[in-house]
Protein backbone atom coordinates (compact mmCIF):
# COMPACT_ATOMS: atom_id res chain seq x y z
CA UNK A 1 0.00 0.00 0.00
CA UNK A 2 2.78 2.43 0.90
CA UNK A 3 5.21 3.71 -1.68
CA UNK A 4 8.32 2.47 0.10
CA UNK A 5 10.93 3.60 -2.44
CA UNK A 6 11.73 6.86 -0.64
CA UNK A 7 10.70 6.08 2.95
CA UNK A 8 14.08 4.77 4.22
CA UNK A 9 15.91 7.83 2.86
CA UNK A 10 13.30 10.23 4.24
CA UNK A 11 13.36 8.56 7.65
CA UNK A 12 17.17 8.54 7.73
CA UNK A 13 17.24 12.27 7.02
CA UNK A 14 15.61 12.79 10.42
CA UNK A 15 17.41 9.97 12.20
CA UNK A 16 14.19 7.96 12.49
CA UNK A 17 13.41 4.28 11.93
CA UNK A 18 11.14 3.83 8.91
CA UNK A 19 8.27 2.66 11.12
CA UNK A 20 8.40 5.76 13.34
CA UNK A 21 8.60 8.04 10.31
CA UNK A 22 5.59 6.34 8.70
CA UNK A 23 3.53 6.57 11.90
CA UNK A 24 4.42 10.25 12.28
CA UNK A 25 3.32 11.01 8.72
CA UNK A 26 0.04 9.11 8.97
CA UNK A 27 -0.81 10.70 12.34
CA UNK A 28 0.19 14.22 11.27
CA UNK A 29 -1.65 14.24 7.93
CA UNK A 30 -5.21 14.56 9.31
CA UNK A 31 -4.05 16.96 12.03
CA UNK A 32 -2.38 19.40 9.63
CA UNK A 33 -4.62 19.09 6.55
CA UNK A 34 -6.28 22.45 5.91
CA UNK A 35 -5.02 23.69 9.27
CA UNK A 36 -5.50 27.40 10.00
CA UNK A 37 -4.86 27.66 13.74
CA UNK A 38 -1.56 26.88 15.46
CA UNK A 39 -0.89 23.38 16.77
CA UNK A 40 -1.10 23.42 20.55
CA UNK A 41 1.52 21.92 22.81
CA UNK A 42 -1.01 19.33 23.95
CA UNK A 43 -1.69 18.27 20.34
CA UNK A 44 2.04 18.09 19.72
CA UNK A 45 2.56 15.87 22.77
CA UNK A 46 -0.32 13.61 21.68
CA UNK A 47 1.21 13.38 18.21
CA UNK A 48 4.55 12.45 19.77
CA UNK A 49 2.88 9.79 21.91
CA UNK A 50 0.93 8.22 19.01
CA UNK A 51 3.87 8.22 16.61
CA UNK A 52 6.64 7.32 19.04
CA UNK A 53 8.71 10.30 17.85
CA UNK A 54 9.91 12.66 20.61
CA UNK A 55 8.39 16.12 20.42
CA UNK A 56 11.89 17.61 20.40
CA UNK A 57 13.05 15.63 17.36
CA UNK A 58 12.83 16.80 13.77
CA UNK A 59 10.54 17.17 11.96
CA UNK A 60 8.05 17.16 14.83
CA UNK A 61 10.06 19.80 16.67
CA UNK A 62 9.19 22.33 13.95
CA UNK A 63 5.55 22.24 12.78
CA UNK A 64 6.35 24.15 9.58
CA UNK A 65 8.99 21.55 8.73
CA UNK A 66 6.58 18.76 9.64
CA UNK A 67 3.95 20.27 7.34
CA UNK A 68 6.43 20.34 4.45
CA UNK A 69 7.47 16.75 5.05
CA UNK A 70 3.80 15.68 5.15
CA UNK A 71 3.25 17.35 1.80
CA UNK A 72 6.28 15.64 0.24
CA UNK A 73 5.15 12.33 1.73
CA UNK A 74 1.59 12.78 0.42
CA UNK A 75 2.81 13.44 -3.11
CA UNK A 76 5.11 10.41 -3.04
CA UNK A 77 2.22 8.14 -2.03
CA UNK A 78 0.12 9.00 -5.09
CA UNK A 79 2.96 8.02 -7.42
CA UNK A 80 2.98 4.42 -8.67
CA UNK A 81 4.83 2.13 -6.28
CA UNK A 82 8.44 1.91 -7.36
CA UNK A 83 11.61 0.28 -6.09
CA UNK A 84 15.23 1.42 -6.01
CA UNK A 85 15.63 0.57 -9.71
CA UNK A 86 12.82 2.96 -10.63
CA UNK A 87 13.63 3.66 -14.27
CA UNK A 88 14.90 0.21 -15.18
CA UNK A 89 11.91 -1.63 -13.73
CA UNK A 90 9.33 0.83 -15.02
CA UNK A 91 10.86 0.99 -18.50
CA UNK A 92 11.16 -2.77 -18.81
CA UNK A 93 7.50 -3.20 -17.89
CA UNK A 94 6.23 -0.39 -20.11
CA UNK A 95 8.35 -1.33 -23.12
CA UNK A 96 6.78 -4.79 -23.27
CA UNK A 97 3.44 -3.07 -23.94
CA UNK A 98 2.20 -1.14 -26.94
CA UNK A 99 2.12 2.66 -26.36
CA UNK A 100 -1.66 2.50 -25.93
CA UNK A 101 -1.53 -0.30 -23.37
CA UNK A 102 1.46 1.28 -21.62
CA UNK A 103 -0.55 4.48 -21.23
CA UNK A 104 -3.53 2.55 -19.90
CA UNK A 105 -1.21 0.88 -17.40
CA UNK A 106 0.21 4.20 -16.19
CA UNK A 107 -3.25 5.75 -15.85
CA UNK A 108 -4.85 2.81 -14.05
CA UNK A 109 -1.86 2.45 -11.70
CA UNK A 110 -2.02 6.15 -10.81
CA UNK A 111 -5.79 6.00 -10.27
CA UNK A 112 -5.27 3.01 -7.97
CA UNK A 113 -2.70 4.94 -5.90
CA UNK A 114 -5.09 7.87 -5.44
CA UNK A 115 -7.84 5.45 -4.40
CA UNK A 116 -5.55 3.79 -1.85
CA UNK A 117 -4.49 7.08 -0.24
CA UNK A 118 -7.50 9.33 0.37
CA UNK A 119 -5.86 11.06 3.36
CA UNK A 120 -2.84 11.98 1.25
CA UNK A 121 -5.04 13.27 -1.59
CA UNK A 122 -7.11 15.27 0.90
CA UNK A 123 -3.94 16.83 2.30
CA UNK A 124 -2.76 17.87 -1.18
CA UNK A 125 -6.17 19.32 -2.09
CA UNK A 126 -6.36 21.24 1.21
CA UNK A 127 -2.83 22.56 0.67
CA UNK A 128 -3.71 23.86 -2.79
CA UNK A 129 -6.87 25.53 -1.52
CA UNK A 130 -4.97 26.99 1.43
CA UNK A 131 -2.30 28.52 -0.78
CA UNK A 132 -4.98 30.53 -2.58
CA UNK A 133 -6.30 31.88 0.71
CA UNK A 134 -3.21 32.40 2.85
CA UNK A 135 0.35 33.66 2.55
CA UNK A 136 1.34 31.94 5.80
CA UNK A 137 1.59 28.40 4.42
CA UNK A 138 5.30 27.52 4.18
CA UNK A 139 6.87 27.18 0.75
CA UNK A 140 7.83 23.57 0.10
CA UNK A 141 10.12 22.33 -2.65
CA UNK A 142 8.63 19.23 -4.23
CA UNK A 143 10.03 16.62 -6.59
CA UNK A 144 8.40 16.13 -9.95
CA UNK A 145 6.36 12.97 -10.23
CA UNK A 146 8.25 10.15 -11.99
CA UNK A 147 5.02 9.59 -13.92
CA UNK A 148 5.90 12.66 -16.03
CA UNK A 149 9.10 11.00 -17.27
CA UNK A 150 7.30 7.76 -18.06
CA UNK A 151 4.52 9.62 -19.87
CA UNK A 152 7.23 11.39 -21.91
CA UNK A 153 8.70 8.09 -22.99
CA UNK A 154 5.37 6.49 -23.85
CA UNK A 155 4.34 9.58 -25.82
CA UNK A 156 7.54 9.51 -27.88
CA UNK A 157 7.03 5.82 -28.65
CA UNK A 158 3.46 6.60 -29.70
CA UNK A 159 4.72 9.44 -31.91
CA UNK A 160 7.27 7.14 -33.54
CA UNK A 161 4.57 4.79 -34.82
CA UNK A 162 2.00 7.48 -35.52
CA UNK A 163 -0.39 6.37 -32.76
CA UNK A 164 -0.55 9.70 -30.90
CA UNK A 165 -1.00 13.21 -32.21
CA UNK A 166 1.52 15.99 -31.70
CA UNK A 167 0.82 19.11 -29.68
CA UNK A 168 0.23 17.21 -26.43
CA UNK A 169 2.87 17.05 -23.68
CA UNK A 170 3.26 14.81 -20.64
CA UNK A 171 2.18 17.74 -18.46
CA UNK A 172 -1.04 18.06 -20.49
CA UNK A 173 -1.83 14.41 -19.87
CA UNK A 174 -0.95 14.62 -16.19
CA UNK A 175 -3.39 17.53 -15.77
CA UNK A 176 -6.20 15.26 -17.00
CA UNK A 177 -5.00 12.24 -15.02
CA UNK A 178 -4.63 14.11 -11.71
CA UNK A 179 -7.95 15.91 -12.14
CA UNK A 180 -9.88 12.69 -12.73
CA UNK A 181 -7.95 10.67 -10.14
CA UNK A 182 -8.68 13.39 -7.55
CA UNK A 183 -12.39 13.46 -8.36
CA UNK A 184 -13.59 10.86 -5.81
CA UNK A 185 -11.95 12.78 -2.95
CA UNK A 186 -12.48 16.35 -4.19
CA UNK A 187 -16.03 16.04 -5.56
CA UNK A 188 -17.25 12.53 -4.72
CA UNK A 189 -19.42 13.43 -1.69
CA UNK A 190 -21.17 16.24 -3.61
CA UNK A 191 -21.89 13.98 -6.59
CA UNK A 192 -23.24 11.32 -4.24
CA UNK A 193 -25.58 13.82 -2.59
CA UNK A 194 -26.70 15.43 -5.85
CA UNK A 195 -26.84 12.52 -8.28
CA UNK A 196 -26.70 9.36 -6.18
CA UNK A 197 -23.34 8.31 -7.67
CA UNK A 198 -21.07 7.04 -4.91
CA UNK A 199 -17.54 7.23 -6.32
CA UNK A 200 -16.26 4.89 -3.60
CA UNK A 201 -18.47 1.99 -4.72
CA UNK A 202 -16.43 -0.75 -6.36
CA UNK A 203 -18.39 -0.60 -9.63
CA UNK A 204 -18.04 3.18 -9.85
CA UNK A 205 -14.36 3.04 -8.91
CA UNK A 206 -13.72 0.56 -11.72
CA UNK A 207 -15.83 2.65 -14.07
CA UNK A 208 -13.96 5.84 -13.25
CA UNK A 209 -10.63 4.09 -13.77
CA UNK A 210 -11.76 3.09 -17.26
CA UNK A 211 -13.23 6.57 -17.82
CA UNK A 212 -9.85 8.13 -17.02
CA UNK A 213 -7.99 5.72 -19.32
CA UNK A 214 -10.42 6.33 -22.18
CA UNK A 215 -10.43 10.11 -21.70
CA UNK A 216 -6.62 10.27 -21.92
CA UNK A 217 -6.46 8.00 -24.96
CA UNK A 218 -9.31 9.79 -26.73
CA UNK A 219 -7.48 13.07 -26.17
CA UNK A 220 -4.28 11.63 -27.65
CA UNK A 221 -5.84 9.91 -30.64
CA UNK A 222 -8.41 12.49 -31.72
CA UNK A 223 -8.20 13.96 -35.21
CA UNK A 224 -8.92 17.38 -33.74
CA UNK A 225 -6.44 19.83 -35.31
CA UNK A 226 -3.66 21.15 -33.07
CA UNK A 227 -3.24 24.92 -32.99
CA UNK A 228 -1.69 25.66 -29.60
CA UNK A 229 1.86 24.58 -30.41
CA UNK A 230 3.80 21.82 -28.68
CA UNK A 231 1.66 21.74 -25.54
CA UNK A 232 -1.61 23.02 -24.11
CA UNK A 233 0.18 23.99 -20.90
CA UNK A 234 3.44 25.84 -20.22
CA UNK A 235 5.52 26.69 -17.18
CA UNK A 236 4.76 30.11 -15.71
CA UNK A 237 7.79 31.86 -14.22
CA UNK A 238 6.72 34.40 -11.60
CA UNK A 239 8.89 36.93 -9.81
CA UNK A 240 6.84 36.45 -6.63
CA UNK A 241 7.86 32.82 -6.17
CA UNK A 242 10.74 32.17 -3.79
CA UNK A 243 11.33 28.77 -5.36
CA UNK A 244 12.28 28.53 -9.05
CA UNK A 245 9.71 26.76 -11.18
CA UNK A 246 10.88 24.05 -13.60
CA UNK A 247 10.55 24.56 -17.32
CA UNK A 248 8.26 22.37 -19.37
CA UNK A 249 10.75 19.71 -20.42
CA UNK A 250 8.20 17.72 -22.37
CA UNK A 251 6.96 20.69 -24.37
CA UNK A 252 10.46 21.79 -25.40
CA UNK A 253 11.46 18.21 -26.19
CA UNK A 254 8.47 17.58 -28.44
CA UNK A 255 8.93 20.93 -30.18
CA UNK A 256 12.57 20.08 -30.98
CA UNK A 257 11.83 16.51 -32.03
CA UNK A 258 8.88 17.55 -34.18
CA UNK A 259 10.82 20.26 -36.02
CA UNK A 260 13.72 17.83 -36.62
CA UNK A 261 11.37 15.39 -38.32
CA UNK A 262 9.64 17.94 -40.51
């Protein structure tokens, strides 16, 4: 269930056994998700007691640092489960499949991770909402999802055989994937109340997995003309950000590759 690939390294960074680190993250997530008021000393002591991590030890000793680590942890859990040989294992598995089936595999695996980790998804959604409403939420540097790299590679294979259209980047696809994978947590209760569709039901969960796969593939295989360039989305550099934003690697790569082939 847990994405264990980065847990030992994360735990070691704080001098914690993996089990203590995992308990701290799972206990802290619901406490800090969407939090507006300060964490009291009593809450901090209770968190220390439940997790087995002393209140004076990082990252529990600094709530802002703990919040950032929870956010990094939450993002890692919605990535497909990977081992130390991330690229080799993932590539070997994906390259045995056609580009279409490889994409289905990536989408369904990602949807499954979101379904397995509702608390982590809720934390990420609350963090994004909170950043629109408050300037007090600490800035956290996050790693890019490895799914982006794998989507890049599958897209290029699909381009090579003419299966996928140009003008779509890995970031474009990940926008669709994340939006649909987040739906059960972000909008599921409202849809259940309004339309009687419970997204957590097994049949609906399976249906939404297939819906997400089909939506991504339909988007990639449509004959709709492309007019927006190499990607629908592009990195936005802002002078107000204290952390540099990455450039759109996929968009620039596809633009270069496409012009070389023309």
